[in-house]
Structures are given as structure tokens and as C-alpha cells.
C-alpha atoms as a PDB file:
ATOM      1  CA  MET A   1      -0.070  -0.078  -0.023  1.00  0.00           C
ATOM      2  CA  ILE A   2       1.159   3.716  -0.797  1.00  0.00           C
ATOM      3  CA  VAL A   3      -0.182   6.725   0.773  1.00  0.00           C
ATOM      4  CA  VAL A   4       0.336   9.815  -1.290  1.00  0.00           C
ATOM      5  CA  PRO A   5      -0.469  13.129   0.469  1.00  0.00           C
ATOM      6  CA  GLY A   6      -2.638  16.037  -1.680  1.00  0.00           C
ATOM      7  CA  GLY A   7      -2.445  19.405  -1.741  1.00  0.00           C
ATOM      8  CA  GLY A   8      -1.373  21.756  -4.758  1.00  0.00           C
ATOM      9  CA  PHE A   9      -2.285  20.159  -7.444  1.00  0.00           C
ATOM     10  CA  ARG A  10      -4.791  22.873  -9.044  1.00  0.00           C
ATOM     11  CA  LEU A  11      -2.335  26.115  -7.371  1.00  0.00           C
ATOM     12  CA  LYS A  12       0.992  24.335  -8.982  1.00  0.00           C
ATOM     13  CA  ASP A  13       2.940  26.539  -6.957  1.00  0.00           C
ATOM     14  CA  GLY A  14       5.007  25.486  -3.834  1.00  0.00           C
ATOM     15  CA  PRO A  15       5.804  21.935  -2.757  1.00  0.00           C
ATOM     16  CA  GLY A  16       2.421  19.123  -3.149  1.00  0.00           C
ATOM     17  CA  THR A  17       1.229  16.959  -5.659  1.00  0.00           C
ATOM     18  CA  TRP A  18       1.618  19.052  -8.871  1.00  0.00           C
ATOM     19  CA  ALA A  19       5.569  19.409  -7.897  1.00  0.00           C
ATOM     20  CA  GLU A  20       6.002  15.914  -6.945  1.00  0.00           C
ATOM     21  CA  ILE A  21       4.682  15.163 -10.704  1.00  0.00           C
ATOM     22  CA  GLU A  22       6.869  17.030 -12.032  1.00  0.00           C
ATOM     23  CA  ASP A  23      10.233  15.968 -10.816  1.00  0.00           C
ATOM     24  CA  GLY A  24       9.443  12.468 -11.985  1.00  0.00           C
ATOM     25  CA  ARG A  25      10.256  10.233  -9.056  1.00  0.00           C
ATOM     26  CA  LEU A  26       6.931   9.551  -7.257  1.00  0.00           C
ATOM     27  CA  PRO A  27       5.748   8.306 -11.013  1.00  0.00           C
ATOM     28  CA  ARG A  28       8.659   6.452 -11.867  1.00  0.00           C
ATOM     29  CA  LEU A  29       8.427   4.997  -7.740  1.00  0.00           C
ATOM     30  CA  LEU A  30       4.920   3.980  -8.708  1.00  0.00           C
ATOM     31  CA  ARG A  31       5.539   2.576 -12.161  1.00  0.00           C
ATOM     32  CA  GLU A  32       8.517   0.621 -10.757  1.00  0.00           C
ATOM     33  CA  THR A  33       6.077  -0.815  -7.605  1.00  0.00           C
ATOM     34  CA  THR A  34       4.132  -2.797 -10.190  1.00  0.00           C
ATOM     35  CA  ALA A  35       6.625  -5.343 -10.779  1.00  0.00           C
ATOM     36  CA  TYR A  36       6.124  -6.840  -7.004  1.00  0.00           C
ATOM     37  CA  GLY A  37       1.969  -7.183  -8.203  1.00  0.00           C
ATOM     38  CA  SER A  38      -0.899  -5.784  -7.521  1.00  0.00           C
ATOM     39  CA  LEU A  39      -0.921  -1.927  -5.935  1.00  0.00           C
ATOM     40  CA  ALA A  40      -2.789  -0.170  -3.622  1.00  0.00           C
ATOM     41  CA  LEU A  41      -2.717   3.393  -3.836  1.00  0.00           C
ATOM     42  CA  TYR A  42      -4.533   5.744  -1.507  1.00  0.00           C
ATOM     43  CA  GLY A  43      -4.624   9.744  -2.568  1.00  0.00           C
ATOM     44  CA  LEU A  44      -5.412  12.054   0.543  1.00  0.00           C
ATOM     45  CA  CYS A  45      -6.731  15.654   0.430  1.00  0.00           C
ATOM     46  CA  THR A  46      -7.190  17.467   3.364  1.00  0.00           C
ATOM     47  CA  GLY A  47      -9.520  19.808   1.422  1.00  0.00           C
ATOM     48  CA  GLY A  48      -7.371  22.962   1.945  1.00  0.00           C
ATOM     49  CA  SER A  49      -5.674  24.914  -0.495  1.00  0.00           C
ATOM     50  CA  CYS A  50      -6.068  21.885  -3.197  1.00  0.00           C
ATOM     51  CA  CYS A  51      -9.866  23.213  -3.811  1.00  0.00           C
ATOM     52  CA  THR A  52     -10.115  26.576  -3.480  1.00  0.00           C
ATOM     53  CA  THR A  53      -9.896  29.384  -5.773  1.00  0.00           C
ATOM     54  CA  PRO A  54      -7.238  31.381  -5.338  1.00  0.00           C
ATOM     55  CA  ALA A  55      -8.131  35.277  -4.376  1.00  0.00           C
END
């Protein structure tokens, strides 16, 4: 099981999901883990800045 914290995807500023995807290490790790069989992936968003409209 892999739990990936969310946040920062929609606004694309600072650390967060968008930065991790752009960095490339997290997507590569997720691809590599499928070699070990099935993968349970959970995402977690606290409902903060990832879901709000910027002022």
C-alpha cells in the first residue's frame, strides 16, 4: 500500500502533488512497484488549498 499526500495540484505553487509529478521520482516509483504485483494506491487531500479558488 502506498499513501500519497495531496494538495497543491490545482494551484501548482510550492511543494505538493504537482511538484512531485513534475519532479518525476514519484511517478517512476509507482511504475516500478507494479513489478511486485498488485498495487493499492491511496491519495489524501485535506480539502484545503487544493480545492479552493485563489483570491
